[in-house]
Amino acid sequence: MTTAIPADIPAPSGQAADARGTVAADGPRAVVLLCAGRGTRMHPLTLDAPKCMLEVGDRKVIDHLLDAILARSDGEIVAVTGFGADAVRDHLASRYGDRVGTAHNPRYEEDVNILSVETGVAALRHPERGYIVVETDLLLDASAWDRVFAQAAGPDAFWLCRGRYAENLTGGIVHAGTDGWIDAVEYRPAYDAAYAGWPKMVGILGVGPGQVAADRETRRQAMAVSIAQYYLVPWRDHLPQLPCRVLQIDDCFAHSFNTVADYERIARQYTALAGHRPSSVHA
């Protein structure tokens, strides 16, 4: 199905870059938080609000993410809303004031997350500085966040990965050479032994200043075909234009959740690790 690109999303712009996307940035990378999805696999917990609003210990998931980000960056932050937008916006305004902006994706029902990424990037004042795209159904420990922002201080694009593709760990994956540069990006939700051992994506993409123009242009090309796809698709299909590294953090806590069982298990582990008050998740 062909889909028209929303008129309120501007055409991409960016700086010229060398073969591996290196340009100078005049400020920190922004952060785009993806909060638009319904999270239907987590019903009944997400009947009224998205996954980012679930409680873990003494805070909501989105607060754990934002508090870690704000402790490490004074860059722009935009949360992309969709389902439960009013609840997310009200919560962010109450807790963070104007430090965290929002942008709404009215087509979140059709979108997987590729349009949400561009909606967030389009809302940034300085997308040319680069940005970190963060899915909001995950929890990371302090050491993982330190690694993310240390990597983001450099010029390169990167995909955060933890663990290896296996029968019980499928989805977005990458393959990289010994130098850390990624030479293939794939999405394999049904286990395929041919990809066994590839680094498994966690849910964070860092786009450097030199990759912004290509990221936005290839994403628009993909959206012109359909918005019912993941934001990794342009990176899979146009990797030569989007050079990127793997940031493997097997020694850190970094887990995403898509089911109630995953959420309860990961929330318990994270709460114990971080020393927060007991979580409200079911025993």
C-alpha atoms as a PDB file:
ATOM      1  CA  MET A   1       0.000   0.000   0.000  1.00  0.00           C
ATOM      2  CA  THR A   2       1.329   3.429  -0.895  1.00  0.00           C
ATOM      3  CA  THR A   3       1.055   6.073   1.764  1.00  0.00           C
ATOM      4  CA  ALA A   4       1.411   9.812   1.417  1.00  0.00           C
ATOM      5  CA  ILE A   5       4.043  11.328   3.670  1.00  0.00           C
ATOM      6  CA  PRO A   6       2.394  13.724   6.135  1.00  0.00           C
ATOM      7  CA  ALA A   7       2.574  17.300   4.929  1.00  0.00           C
ATOM      8  CA  ASP A   8       3.766  18.645   8.264  1.00  0.00           C
ATOM      9  CA  ILE A   9       7.036  16.708   8.068  1.00  0.00           C
ATOM     10  CA  PRO A  10       9.659  18.877   6.339  1.00  0.00           C
ATOM     11  CA  ALA A  11      12.042  17.585   3.723  1.00  0.00           C
ATOM     12  CA  PRO A  12      15.304  16.330   5.200  1.00  0.00           C
ATOM     13  CA  SER A  13      18.294  18.578   5.459  1.00  0.00           C
ATOM     14  CA  GLY A  14      21.766  17.960   6.796  1.00  0.00           C
ATOM     15  CA  GLN A  15      25.447  18.650   6.550  1.00  0.00           C
ATOM     16  CA  ALA A  16      27.886  17.188   4.086  1.00  0.00           C
ATOM     17  CA  ALA A  17      29.852  14.274   5.489  1.00  0.00           C
ATOM     18  CA  ASP A  18      32.794  12.089   4.645  1.00  0.00           C
ATOM     19  CA  ALA A  19      32.491   8.404   3.654  1.00  0.00           C
ATOM     20  CA  ARG A  20      31.703   7.374   7.218  1.00  0.00           C
ATOM     21  CA  GLY A  21      29.410  10.255   8.047  1.00  0.00           C
ATOM     22  CA  THR A  22      31.771  12.389  10.125  1.00  0.00           C
ATOM     23  CA  VAL A  23      30.970  16.075  10.552  1.00  0.00           C
ATOM     24  CA  ALA A  24      31.430  18.471  13.416  1.00  0.00           C
ATOM     25  CA  ALA A  25      28.427  19.135  15.668  1.00  0.00           C
ATOM     26  CA  ASP A  26      27.919  22.395  17.556  1.00  0.00           C
ATOM     27  CA  GLY A  27      25.886  20.886  20.385  1.00  0.00           C
ATOM     28  CA  PRO A  28      24.869  17.571  22.003  1.00  0.00           C
ATOM     29  CA  ARG A  29      22.733  15.046  20.224  1.00  0.00           C
ATOM     30  CA  ALA A  30      19.025  15.290  20.937  1.00  0.00           C
ATOM     31  CA  VAL A  31      16.930  12.414  22.274  1.00  0.00           C
ATOM     32  CA  VAL A  32      13.704  11.212  20.639  1.00  0.00           C
ATOM     33  CA  LEU A  33      11.542   8.990  22.846  1.00  0.00           C
ATOM     34  CA  LEU A  34       9.012   6.716  21.127  1.00  0.00           C
ATOM     35  CA  CYS A  35       5.833   6.616  23.261  1.00  0.00           C
ATOM     36  CA  ALA A  36       3.090   6.268  20.651  1.00  0.00           C
ATOM     37  CA  GLY A  37       2.239   2.569  20.430  1.00  0.00           C
ATOM     38  CA  ARG A  38      -0.706   0.782  22.018  1.00  0.00           C
ATOM     39  CA  GLY A  39       1.282  -2.119  23.446  1.00  0.00           C
ATOM     40  CA  THR A  40      -1.551  -4.566  22.741  1.00  0.00           C
ATOM     41  CA  ARG A  41       0.568  -7.580  23.673  1.00  0.00           C
ATOM     42  CA  MET A  42       0.622  -6.220  27.223  1.00  0.00           C
ATOM     43  CA  HIS A  43      -3.131  -5.981  27.773  1.00  0.00           C
ATOM     44  CA  PRO A  44      -4.731  -5.532  30.249  1.00  0.00           C
ATOM     45  CA  LEU A  45      -1.891  -3.414  31.713  1.00  0.00           C
ATOM     46  CA  THR A  46      -1.868  -1.102  28.692  1.00  0.00           C
ATOM     47  CA  LEU A  47      -5.594  -0.720  28.076  1.00  0.00           C
ATOM     48  CA  ASP A  48      -5.565   2.929  29.159  1.00  0.00           C
ATOM     49  CA  ALA A  49      -1.982   4.118  28.642  1.00  0.00           C
ATOM     50  CA  PRO A  50       1.147   3.096  26.723  1.00  0.00           C
ATOM     51  CA  LYS A  51       3.938   0.913  28.105  1.00  0.00           C
ATOM     52  CA  CYS A  52       6.086   3.879  29.080  1.00  0.00           C
ATOM     53  CA  MET A  53       3.522   4.815  31.760  1.00  0.00           C
ATOM     54  CA  LEU A  54       3.768   1.526  33.645  1.00  0.00           C
ATOM     55  CA  GLU A  55       5.158   1.702  37.160  1.00  0.00           C
ATOM     56  CA  VAL A  56       8.553   0.239  38.047  1.00  0.00           C
ATOM     57  CA  GLY A  57       9.501   0.750  41.666  1.00  0.00           C
ATOM     58  CA  ASP A  58       8.957   4.371  42.648  1.00  0.00           C
ATOM     59  CA  ARG A  59       8.592   5.794  39.132  1.00  0.00           C
ATOM     60  CA  LYS A  60       7.094   5.200  35.733  1.00  0.00           C
ATOM     61  CA  VAL A  61       9.204   3.566  33.004  1.00  0.00           C
ATOM     62  CA  ILE A  62       9.505   6.874  31.143  1.00  0.00           C
ATOM     63  CA  ASP A  63      10.786   8.551  34.322  1.00  0.00           C
ATOM     64  CA  HIS A  64      13.558   5.995  34.704  1.00  0.00           C
ATOM     65  CA  LEU A  65      14.575   6.712  31.115  1.00  0.00           C
ATOM     66  CA  LEU A  66      14.316  10.484  31.346  1.00  0.00           C
ATOM     67  CA  ASP A  67      16.019  10.826  34.710  1.00  0.00           C
ATOM     68  CA  ALA A  68      18.996   8.888  33.363  1.00  0.00           C
ATOM     69  CA  ILE A  69      19.075  10.953  30.160  1.00  0.00           C
ATOM     70  CA  LEU A  70      18.778  14.298  31.950  1.00  0.00           C
ATOM     71  CA  ALA A  71      21.618  13.350  34.286  1.00  0.00           C
ATOM     72  CA  ARG A  72      23.887  12.914  31.268  1.00  0.00           C
ATOM     73  CA  SER A  73      22.785  15.447  28.673  1.00  0.00           C
ATOM     74  CA  ASP A  74      21.527  19.001  28.324  1.00  0.00           C
ATOM     75  CA  GLY A  75      20.426  18.373  24.739  1.00  0.00           C
ATOM     76  CA  GLU A  76      16.926  18.577  23.299  1.00  0.00           C
ATOM     77  CA  ILE A  77      14.423  15.898  24.278  1.00  0.00           C
ATOM     78  CA  VAL A  78      11.171  15.170  22.435  1.00  0.00           C
ATOM     79  CA  ALA A  79       8.687  12.435  23.343  1.00  0.00           C
ATOM     80  CA  VAL A  80       6.473  11.252  20.485  1.00  0.00           C
ATOM     81  CA  THR A  81       2.930  10.527  21.653  1.00  0.00           C
ATOM     82  CA  GLY A  82       0.074   8.559  20.121  1.00  0.00           C
ATOM     83  CA  PHE A  83      -2.137   6.262  22.173  1.00  0.00           C
ATOM     84  CA  GLY A  84      -2.825   7.802  25.582  1.00  0.00           C
ATOM     85  CA  ALA A  85      -1.266  11.077  24.463  1.00  0.00           C
ATOM     86  CA  ASP A  86      -3.022  13.250  27.052  1.00  0.00           C
ATOM     87  CA  ALA A  87      -1.806  11.127  29.950  1.00  0.00           C
ATOM     88  CA  VAL A  88       1.770  11.144  28.671  1.00  0.00           C
ATOM     89  CA  ARG A  89       1.789  14.888  27.960  1.00  0.00           C
ATOM     90  CA  ASP A  90       0.247  15.747  31.340  1.00  0.00           C
ATOM     91  CA  HIS A  91       2.718  13.572  33.186  1.00  0.00           C
ATOM     92  CA  LEU A  92       5.736  14.991  31.364  1.00  0.00           C
ATOM     93  CA  ALA A  93       4.569  18.583  31.841  1.00  0.00           C
ATOM     94  CA  SER A  94       3.965  18.013  35.550  1.00  0.00           C
ATOM     95  CA  ARG A  95       7.288  16.310  36.215  1.00  0.00           C
ATOM     96  CA  TYR A  96       9.646  17.957  33.697  1.00  0.00           C
ATOM     97  CA  GLY A  97       8.013  21.229  32.677  1.00  0.00           C
ATOM     98  CA  ASP A  98       9.270  22.530  29.341  1.00  0.00           C
ATOM     99  CA  ARG A  99      12.534  20.559  29.576  1.00  0.00           C
ATOM    100  CA  VAL A 100      10.904  17.698  27.668  1.00  0.00           C
ATOM    101  CA  GLY A 101       8.889  18.527  24.566  1.00  0.00           C
ATOM    102  CA  THR A 102       6.262  16.401  22.864  1.00  0.00           C
ATOM    103  CA  ALA A 103       5.187  15.783  19.278  1.00  0.00           C
ATOM    104  CA  HIS A 104       2.037  13.869  18.367  1.00  0.00           C
ATOM    105  CA  ASN A 105       1.767  11.094  15.783  1.00  0.00           C
ATOM    106  CA  PRO A 106      -1.955  11.035  14.870  1.00  0.00           C
ATOM    107  CA  ARG A 107      -1.425   7.978  12.663  1.00  0.00           C
ATOM    108  CA  TYR A 108       0.025   5.754  15.367  1.00  0.00           C
ATOM    109  CA  GLU A 109      -2.616   3.090  14.646  1.00  0.00           C
ATOM    110  CA  GLU A 110      -1.193   2.583  11.125  1.00  0.00           C
ATOM    111  CA  ASP A 111       2.426   3.169  12.054  1.00  0.00           C
ATOM    112  CA  VAL A 112       4.839   0.634  13.517  1.00  0.00           C
ATOM    113  CA  ASN A 113       7.370   3.247  14.552  1.00  0.00           C
ATOM    114  CA  ILE A 114       9.019   4.671  11.432  1.00  0.00           C
ATOM    115  CA  LEU A 115       6.653   7.681  11.286  1.00  0.00           C
ATOM    116  CA  SER A 116       7.045   8.276  15.018  1.00  0.00           C
ATOM    117  CA  VAL A 117      10.803   8.600  14.558  1.00  0.00           C
ATOM    118  CA  GLU A 118      10.424  11.184  11.804  1.00  0.00           C
ATOM    119  CA  THR A 119       7.723  13.015  13.761  1.00  0.00           C
ATOM    120  CA  GLY A 120      10.137  13.361  16.656  1.00  0.00           C
ATOM    121  CA  VAL A 121      13.089  14.368  14.502  1.00  0.00           C
ATOM    122  CA  ALA A 122      10.952  16.941  12.673  1.00  0.00           C
ATOM    123  CA  ALA A 123      10.059  18.520  16.032  1.00  0.00           C
ATOM    124  CA  LEU A 124      13.704  19.106  16.985  1.00  0.00           C
ATOM    125  CA  ARG A 125      15.134  22.600  16.719  1.00  0.00           C
ATOM    126  CA  HIS A 126      18.558  21.218  15.779  1.00  0.00           C
ATOM    127  CA  PRO A 127      18.254  17.779  14.178  1.00  0.00           C
ATOM    128  CA  GLU A 128      21.530  18.462  12.370  1.00  0.00           C
ATOM    129  CA  ARG A 129      23.380  17.846  15.641  1.00  0.00           C
ATOM    130  CA  GLY A 130      22.276  14.217  15.570  1.00  0.00           C
ATOM    131  CA  TYR A 131      19.889  12.362  17.859  1.00  0.00           C
ATOM    132  CA  ILE A 132      19.426   9.234  19.936  1.00  0.00           C
ATOM    133  CA  VAL A 133      16.212   7.330  19.258  1.00  0.00           C
ATOM    134  CA  VAL A 134      14.985   5.525  22.395  1.00  0.00           C
ATOM    135  CA  GLU A 135      12.145   3.023  22.502  1.00  0.00           C
ATOM    136  CA  THR A 136      10.304   3.350  25.799  1.00  0.00           C
ATOM    137  CA  ASP A 137       9.621  -0.281  26.617  1.00  0.00           C
ATOM    138  CA  LEU A 138      13.072  -0.872  28.040  1.00  0.00           C
ATOM    139  CA  LEU A 139      15.097  -0.404  31.188  1.00  0.00           C
ATOM    140  CA  LEU A 140      18.856   0.212  31.403  1.00  0.00           C
ATOM    141  CA  ASP A 141      21.242   0.448  34.329  1.00  0.00           C
ATOM    142  CA  ALA A 142      23.580   3.398  34.911  1.00  0.00           C
ATOM    143  CA  SER A 143      26.553   1.725  33.254  1.00  0.00           C
ATOM    144  CA  ALA A 144      24.545   1.124  30.072  1.00  0.00           C
ATOM    145  CA  TRP A 145      23.491   4.783  29.924  1.00  0.00           C
ATOM    146  CA  ASP A 146      27.102   5.843  30.505  1.00  0.00           C
ATOM    147  CA  ARG A 147      28.167   3.754  27.520  1.00  0.00           C
ATOM    148  CA  VAL A 148      25.388   5.169  25.330  1.00  0.00           C
ATOM    149  CA  PHE A 149      26.300   8.785  26.020  1.00  0.00           C
ATOM    150  CA  ALA A 150      30.036   8.138  25.777  1.00  0.00           C
ATOM    151  CA  GLN A 151      29.433   6.695  22.308  1.00  0.00           C
ATOM    152  CA  ALA A 152      27.110   9.590  21.421  1.00  0.00           C
ATOM    153  CA  ALA A 153      29.889  12.065  22.232  1.00  0.00           C
ATOM    154  CA  GLY A 154      31.678  10.854  19.090  1.00  0.00           C
ATOM    155  CA  PRO A 155      30.611  11.346  15.468  1.00  0.00           C
ATOM    156  CA  ASP A 156      29.417   7.856  14.563  1.00  0.00           C
ATOM    157  CA  ALA A 157      25.988   6.294  14.286  1.00  0.00           C
ATOM    158  CA  PHE A 158      25.457   3.204  16.426  1.00  0.00           C
ATOM    159  CA  TRP A 159      22.948   0.516  17.326  1.00  0.00           C
ATOM    160  CA  LEU A 160      22.849  -0.551  20.965  1.00  0.00           C
ATOM    161  CA  CYS A 161      22.977  -4.333  21.305  1.00  0.00           C
ATOM    162  CA  ARG A 162      22.931  -6.816  24.142  1.00  0.00           C
ATOM    163  CA  GLY A 163      23.006 -10.573  23.810  1.00  0.00           C
ATOM    164  CA  ARG A 164      22.967 -12.676  20.661  1.00  0.00           C
ATOM    165  CA  TYR A 165      20.216 -13.791  18.318  1.00  0.00           C
ATOM    166  CA  ALA A 166      18.834 -17.162  19.428  1.00  0.00           C
ATOM    167  CA  GLU A 167      15.552 -19.077  19.576  1.00  0.00           C
ATOM    168  CA  ASN A 168      14.483 -17.116  22.658  1.00  0.00           C
ATOM    169  CA  LEU A 169      15.917 -13.760  21.541  1.00  0.00           C
ATOM    170  CA  THR A 170      14.683 -12.759  18.097  1.00  0.00           C
ATOM    171  CA  GLY A 171      13.858  -9.482  16.330  1.00  0.00           C
ATOM    172  CA  GLY A 172      16.199  -6.703  15.220  1.00  0.00           C
ATOM    173  CA  ILE A 173      19.806  -7.798  14.769  1.00  0.00           C
ATOM    174  CA  VAL A 174      23.071  -6.613  13.259  1.00  0.00           C
ATOM    175  CA  HIS A 175      26.292  -8.139  11.991  1.00  0.00           C
ATOM    176  CA  ALA A 176      29.595  -6.362  12.443  1.00  0.00           C
ATOM    177  CA  GLY A 177      33.213  -6.863  11.497  1.00  0.00           C
ATOM    178  CA  THR A 178      36.064  -7.066  13.972  1.00  0.00           C
ATOM    179  CA  ASP A 179      36.427  -3.272  13.731  1.00  0.00           C
ATOM    180  CA  GLY A 180      32.896  -2.776  15.080  1.00  0.00           C
ATOM    181  CA  TRP A 181      31.443  -1.359  11.856  1.00  0.00           C
ATOM    182  CA  ILE A 182      28.085  -2.936  11.012  1.00  0.00           C
ATOM    183  CA  ASP A 183      27.893  -4.689   7.647  1.00  0.00           C
ATOM    184  CA  ALA A 184      24.294  -5.955   7.848  1.00  0.00           C
ATOM    185  CA  VAL A 185      21.047  -5.026   9.627  1.00  0.00           C
ATOM    186  CA  GLU A 186      18.103  -7.434   9.736  1.00  0.00           C
ATOM    187  CA  TYR A 187      14.720  -7.956  11.365  1.00  0.00           C
ATOM    188  CA  ARG A 188      14.061 -11.645  12.048  1.00  0.00           C
ATOM    189  CA  PRO A 189      11.140 -12.181  14.464  1.00  0.00           C
ATOM    190  CA  ALA A 190      10.800 -15.861  13.565  1.00  0.00           C
ATOM    191  CA  TYR A 191      13.937 -17.761  14.499  1.00  0.00           C
ATOM    192  CA  ASP A 192      16.278 -18.459  11.580  1.00  0.00           C
ATOM    193  CA  ALA A 193      19.419 -20.412  12.473  1.00  0.00           C
ATOM    194  CA  ALA A 194      21.328 -18.672   9.677  1.00  0.00           C
ATOM    195  CA  TYR A 195      21.477 -15.565  11.908  1.00  0.00           C
ATOM    196  CA  ALA A 196      22.422 -17.327  15.150  1.00  0.00           C
ATOM    197  CA  GLY A 197      24.930 -15.340  17.165  1.00  0.00           C
ATOM    198  CA  TRP A 198      24.307 -11.932  15.564  1.00  0.00           C
ATOM    199  CA  PRO A 199      24.210  -9.058  18.089  1.00  0.00           C
ATOM    200  CA  LYS A 200      20.630  -8.391  19.233  1.00  0.00           C
ATOM    201  CA  MET A 201      19.300  -4.816  19.161  1.00  0.00           C
ATOM    202  CA  VAL A 202      18.016  -3.433  22.457  1.00  0.00           C
ATOM    203  CA  GLY A 203      15.979  -0.444  21.227  1.00  0.00           C
ATOM    204  CA  ILE A 204      18.356   2.516  20.948  1.00  0.00           C
ATOM    205  CA  LEU A 205      19.782   4.025  17.763  1.00  0.00           C
ATOM    206  CA  GLY A 206      22.318   6.836  17.789  1.00  0.00           C
ATOM    207  CA  VAL A 207      22.405   8.974  14.641  1.00  0.00           C
ATOM    208  CA  GLY A 208      25.480  11.166  14.319  1.00  0.00           C
ATOM    209  CA  PRO A 209      25.523  14.597  12.667  1.00  0.00           C
ATOM    210  CA  GLY A 210      26.926  13.124   9.479  1.00  0.00           C
ATOM    211  CA  GLN A 211      24.153  10.555   9.092  1.00  0.00           C
ATOM    212  CA  VAL A 212      21.178  12.885   9.646  1.00  0.00           C
ATOM    213  CA  ALA A 213      20.530  13.763   5.995  1.00  0.00           C
ATOM    214  CA  ALA A 214      20.761  10.151   4.803  1.00  0.00           C
ATOM    215  CA  ASP A 215      18.715   8.887   7.749  1.00  0.00           C
ATOM    216  CA  ARG A 216      15.861  11.253   7.029  1.00  0.00           C
ATOM    217  CA  GLU A 217      15.941  10.869   3.253  1.00  0.00           C
ATOM    218  CA  THR A 218      15.971   7.061   3.298  1.00  0.00           C
ATOM    219  CA  ARG A 219      13.251   7.037   5.960  1.00  0.00           C
ATOM    220  CA  ARG A 220      11.036   9.227   3.802  1.00  0.00           C
ATOM    221  CA  GLN A 221      11.604   6.858   0.891  1.00  0.00           C
ATOM    222  CA  ALA A 222      10.518   3.934   3.048  1.00  0.00           C
ATOM    223  CA  MET A 223       7.466   5.829   4.373  1.00  0.00           C
ATOM    224  CA  ALA A 224       6.380   6.588   0.822  1.00  0.00           C
ATOM    225  CA  VAL A 225       5.792   2.849   0.462  1.00  0.00           C
ATOM    226  CA  SER A 226       4.237   2.248   3.881  1.00  0.00           C
ATOM    227  CA  ILE A 227       4.445   3.493   7.456  1.00  0.00           C
ATOM    228  CA  ALA A 228       3.637  -0.004   8.744  1.00  0.00           C
ATOM    229  CA  GLN A 229       7.297  -0.815   9.260  1.00  0.00           C
ATOM    230  CA  TYR A 230      10.142  -0.403  11.697  1.00  0.00           C
ATOM    231  CA  TYR A 231      12.615   2.470  11.724  1.00  0.00           C
ATOM    232  CA  LEU A 232      15.445   0.001  11.155  1.00  0.00           C
ATOM    233  CA  VAL A 233      14.228  -0.648   7.580  1.00  0.00           C
ATOM    234  CA  PRO A 234      16.141   2.264   5.967  1.00  0.00           C
ATOM    235  CA  TRP A 235      19.301   1.118   7.759  1.00  0.00           C
ATOM    236  CA  ARG A 236      18.774  -2.417   6.499  1.00  0.00           C
ATOM    237  CA  ASP A 237      18.151  -1.311   2.920  1.00  0.00           C
ATOM    238  CA  HIS A 238      20.632   1.584   2.648  1.00  0.00           C
ATOM    239  CA  LEU A 239      23.513   0.608   4.899  1.00  0.00           C
ATOM    240  CA  PRO A 240      26.234   1.950   2.547  1.00  0.00           C
ATOM    241  CA  GLN A 241      24.660   5.411   2.959  1.00  0.00           C
ATOM    242  CA  LEU A 242      24.259   4.949   6.703  1.00  0.00           C
ATOM    243  CA  PRO A 243      27.546   3.700   8.171  1.00  0.00           C
ATOM    244  CA  CYS A 244      27.130   2.706  11.801  1.00  0.00           C
ATOM    245  CA  ARG A 245      28.838   0.855  14.615  1.00  0.00           C
ATOM    246  CA  VAL A 246      27.639  -1.781  17.041  1.00  0.00           C
ATOM    247  CA  LEU A 247      27.683  -0.806  20.711  1.00  0.00           C
ATOM    248  CA  GLN A 248      27.642  -4.168  22.491  1.00  0.00           C
ATOM    249  CA  ILE A 249      26.885  -3.960  26.221  1.00  0.00           C
ATOM    250  CA  ASP A 250      26.652  -7.566  27.374  1.00  0.00           C
ATOM    251  CA  ASP A 251      28.108  -6.582  30.754  1.00  0.00           C
ATOM    252  CA  CYS A 252      25.284  -4.108  31.462  1.00  0.00           C
ATOM    253  CA  PHE A 253      21.601  -4.419  32.342  1.00  0.00           C
ATOM    254  CA  ALA A 254      19.539  -3.478  29.272  1.00  0.00           C
ATOM    255  CA  HIS A 255      16.270  -5.273  28.532  1.00  0.00           C
ATOM    256  CA  SER A 256      13.076  -4.525  26.657  1.00  0.00           C
ATOM    257  CA  PHE A 257       9.632  -5.945  27.366  1.00  0.00           C
ATOM    258  CA  ASN A 258       6.724  -6.783  25.063  1.00  0.00           C
ATOM    259  CA  THR A 259       4.589  -9.061  27.214  1.00  0.00           C
ATOM    260  CA  VAL A 260       3.202  -8.867  30.747  1.00  0.00           C
ATOM    261  CA  ALA A 261       5.510 -11.695  31.835  1.00  0.00           C
ATOM    262  CA  ASP A 262       8.564  -9.907  30.391  1.00  0.00           C
ATOM    263  CA  TYR A 263       7.583  -6.655  32.081  1.00  0.00           C
ATOM    264  CA  GLU A 264       7.070  -8.246  35.475  1.00  0.00           C
ATOM    265  CA  ARG A 265      10.358 -10.167  35.312  1.00  0.00           C
ATOM    266  CA  ILE A 266      12.454  -7.263  34.040  1.00  0.00           C
ATOM    267  CA  ALA A 267      10.852  -4.792  36.452  1.00  0.00           C
ATOM    268  CA  ARG A 268      11.676  -7.052  39.401  1.00  0.00           C
ATOM    269  CA  GLN A 269      15.266  -7.486  38.252  1.00  0.00           C
ATOM    270  CA  TYR A 270      15.738  -3.788  37.611  1.00  0.00           C
ATOM    271  CA  THR A 271      14.142  -2.777  40.896  1.00  0.00           C
ATOM    272  CA  ALA A 272      16.432  -5.118  42.827  1.00  0.00           C
ATOM    273  CA  LEU A 273      19.475  -3.973  40.878  1.00  0.00           C
ATOM    274  CA  ALA A 274      18.765  -0.270  41.219  1.00  0.00           C
ATOM    275  CA  GLY A 275      17.720  -0.445  44.872  1.00  0.00           C
ATOM    276  CA  HIS A 276      14.341   1.206  44.315  1.00  0.00           C
ATOM    277  CA  ARG A 277      11.315   0.645  46.490  1.00  0.00           C
ATOM    278  CA  PRO A 278       9.411  -2.552  45.656  1.00  0.00           C
ATOM    279  CA  SER A 279       7.653  -2.454  42.320  1.00  0.00           C
ATOM    280  CA  SER A 280       3.891  -2.499  41.949  1.00  0.00           C
ATOM    281  CA  VAL A 281       4.079  -5.289  39.353  1.00  0.00           C
ATOM    282  CA  HIS A 282       2.284  -8.515  40.122  1.00  0.00           C
ATOM    283  CA  ALA A 283       4.177 -11.142  42.092  1.00  0.00           C
END
